[in-house]
């Protein structure tokens, strides 16, 4: 999907979106390098920005590395709940990225952090066995699916 198709998709659901209350303007820039002098930290989504599946988007690992070498912090925010953090870090490394583990924030990482602070409870969860469950093994849980129950 290109940028025009993406905006067309948003326009088709505009009636369901909140009404904008602030007026402003935007300026199209050629790439993130054009913002480098104005920003200290870049927050990037993963899917469709860094990669599509197991393939890095062409030129992005090099651009991210240039910004990092210029002293910019690159933080990834992703809803990659299916991936244990270690797996995701290994994937980004394979794709040519070099992110600090604390700079990759996922919905899975956020919920696990909250659960570690919660009182001990029994949790029901669904997690893909093939991706690993090491980061959830410390919880008393019942995993829904094929023959996997542990409390």
Protein backbone atom coordinates (compact mmCIF):
# COMPACT_ATOMS: atom_id res chain seq x y z
CA UNK A 1 0.00 0.00 0.00
CA UNK A 2 1.41 3.40 -0.92
CA UNK A 3 0.78 6.66 0.95
CA UNK A 4 -2.08 7.74 -1.30
CA UNK A 5 -3.88 4.41 -0.82
CA UNK A 6 -3.34 4.64 2.94
CA UNK A 7 -4.87 8.11 3.14
CA UNK A 8 -7.75 7.05 0.90
CA UNK A 9 -8.44 4.20 3.33
CA UNK A 10 -8.53 6.64 6.24
CA UNK A 11 -10.83 8.96 4.34
CA UNK A 12 -13.32 6.11 3.85
CA UNK A 13 -13.70 5.80 7.64
CA UNK A 14 -13.45 9.51 8.46
CA UNK A 15 -17.10 9.53 9.57
CA UNK A 16 -16.15 7.14 12.40
CA UNK A 17 -13.15 9.16 13.58
CA UNK A 18 -13.19 11.97 16.16
CA UNK A 19 -13.56 15.47 14.76
CA UNK A 20 -10.32 17.43 14.69
CA UNK A 21 -10.49 20.47 16.93
CA UNK A 22 -7.12 22.05 16.24
CA UNK A 23 -6.26 23.63 12.94
CA UNK A 24 -2.78 23.27 11.64
CA UNK A 25 -0.74 22.56 8.64
CA UNK A 26 1.60 19.82 7.66
CA UNK A 27 4.62 19.81 5.50
CA UNK A 28 5.70 16.86 3.40
CA UNK A 29 9.34 16.01 3.98
CA UNK A 30 11.45 13.66 1.91
CA UNK A 31 12.47 11.46 4.88
CA UNK A 32 13.35 11.44 8.59
CA UNK A 33 16.76 12.97 7.90
CA UNK A 34 14.95 16.24 7.20
CA UNK A 35 13.80 16.27 10.84
CA UNK A 36 17.07 15.20 12.42
CA UNK A 37 18.13 18.67 13.54
CA UNK A 38 14.75 19.28 15.22
CA UNK A 39 14.30 15.96 17.06
CA UNK A 40 16.11 14.09 19.79
CA UNK A 41 13.90 10.98 19.81
CA UNK A 42 11.96 9.26 17.05
CA UNK A 43 9.06 6.94 17.91
CA UNK A 44 8.57 4.43 15.14
CA UNK A 45 5.95 1.76 14.63
CA UNK A 46 7.40 -1.53 13.47
CA UNK A 47 5.15 -3.25 10.95
CA UNK A 48 5.06 -1.29 7.71
CA UNK A 49 7.67 1.18 8.96
CA UNK A 50 10.70 -0.99 9.80
CA UNK A 51 9.63 -4.28 8.29
CA UNK A 52 6.93 -6.31 6.67
CA UNK A 53 7.05 -9.76 8.20
CA UNK A 54 10.62 -11.03 8.11
CA UNK A 55 11.81 -8.47 5.58
CA UNK A 56 13.25 -5.07 6.40
CA UNK A 57 11.88 -2.22 4.33
CA UNK A 58 14.53 -1.23 1.80
CA UNK A 59 16.85 1.52 3.03
CA UNK A 60 15.31 1.80 6.49
CA UNK A 61 18.01 -0.04 8.50
CA UNK A 62 20.62 2.27 6.99
CA UNK A 63 18.56 5.41 7.67
CA UNK A 64 17.91 4.34 11.26
CA UNK A 65 21.64 3.65 11.75
CA UNK A 66 22.53 7.10 10.36
CA UNK A 67 20.14 8.78 12.78
CA UNK A 68 21.46 6.71 15.68
CA UNK A 69 25.04 7.61 14.71
CA UNK A 70 23.96 11.26 14.75
CA UNK A 71 22.96 10.79 18.41
CA UNK A 72 19.22 10.34 17.88
CA UNK A 73 17.33 7.88 20.02
CA UNK A 74 15.16 5.52 17.99
CA UNK A 75 12.31 3.98 19.98
CA UNK A 76 10.01 1.32 18.60
CA UNK A 77 6.40 1.10 19.73
CA UNK A 78 4.63 -2.01 18.53
CA UNK A 79 1.65 -4.18 19.27
CA UNK A 80 3.75 -7.31 18.64
CA UNK A 81 2.11 -9.15 21.54
CA UNK A 82 2.86 -12.56 20.09
CA UNK A 83 6.63 -12.14 20.27
CA UNK A 84 8.64 -12.58 23.44
CA UNK A 85 10.95 -9.58 23.74
CA UNK A 86 14.12 -11.62 23.18
CA UNK A 87 12.70 -13.04 19.94
CA UNK A 88 11.76 -9.58 18.70
CA UNK A 89 15.22 -8.20 19.49
CA UNK A 90 16.81 -11.11 17.59
CA UNK A 91 14.49 -10.46 14.64
CA UNK A 92 15.43 -6.77 14.48
CA UNK A 93 19.12 -7.70 14.65
CA UNK A 94 18.65 -10.16 11.72
CA UNK A 95 16.93 -7.38 9.76
CA UNK A 96 19.91 -5.06 10.26
CA UNK A 97 18.68 -2.92 13.17
CA UNK A 98 20.56 -2.23 16.39
CA UNK A 99 18.07 -1.15 19.04
CA UNK A 100 18.62 -1.08 22.78
CA UNK A 101 16.20 -3.54 24.45
CA UNK A 102 14.70 -0.73 26.54
CA UNK A 103 13.92 1.21 23.35
CA UNK A 104 11.60 -1.49 21.98
CA UNK A 105 8.22 -1.22 23.69
CA UNK A 106 5.52 -3.73 22.85
CA UNK A 107 2.07 -4.45 24.19
CA UNK A 108 3.40 -7.78 25.48
CA UNK A 109 6.26 -6.09 27.32
CA UNK A 110 3.87 -3.56 28.85
CA UNK A 111 1.37 -6.15 30.07
CA UNK A 112 4.12 -8.39 31.48
CA UNK A 113 5.56 -5.45 33.39
CA UNK A 114 2.12 -4.74 34.86
CA UNK A 115 1.52 -8.42 35.70
CA UNK A 116 4.82 -8.67 37.54
CA UNK A 117 3.64 -5.81 39.79
CA UNK A 118 0.18 -7.34 40.32
CA UNK A 119 -0.66 -9.59 43.26
CA UNK A 120 -0.28 -13.31 42.55
CA UNK A 121 -3.34 -14.45 40.63
CA UNK A 122 -4.23 -17.25 38.23
CA UNK A 123 -4.15 -15.99 34.64
CA UNK A 124 -5.78 -17.39 31.53
CA UNK A 125 -3.81 -16.61 28.41
CA UNK A 126 -3.27 -17.53 24.82
CA UNK A 127 0.28 -17.56 23.49
CA UNK A 128 1.87 -19.09 20.43
CA UNK A 129 4.00 -22.01 21.56
CA UNK A 130 6.25 -21.83 18.49
CA UNK A 131 7.43 -18.31 19.45
CA UNK A 132 8.31 -19.36 22.98
CA UNK A 133 6.72 -18.76 26.33
CA UNK A 134 9.78 -18.23 28.50
CA UNK A 135 8.76 -14.75 29.58
CA UNK A 136 5.38 -15.98 30.86
CA UNK A 137 6.44 -19.22 32.55
CA UNK A 138 6.78 -17.57 35.96
CA UNK A 139 3.04 -16.89 36.14
CA UNK A 140 0.52 -19.40 37.46
CA UNK A 141 -1.47 -19.88 34.31
CA UNK A 142 -3.73 -22.00 32.20
CA UNK A 143 -2.87 -21.89 28.53
CA UNK A 144 -5.82 -22.44 26.23
CA UNK A 145 -5.03 -24.72 23.38
CA UNK A 146 -3.68 -28.17 22.82
CA UNK A 147 -2.85 -30.06 26.01
CA UNK A 148 -1.15 -27.22 27.83
CA UNK A 149 -2.48 -26.61 31.34
CA UNK A 150 -0.38 -25.60 34.28
CA UNK A 151 -1.53 -24.02 37.54
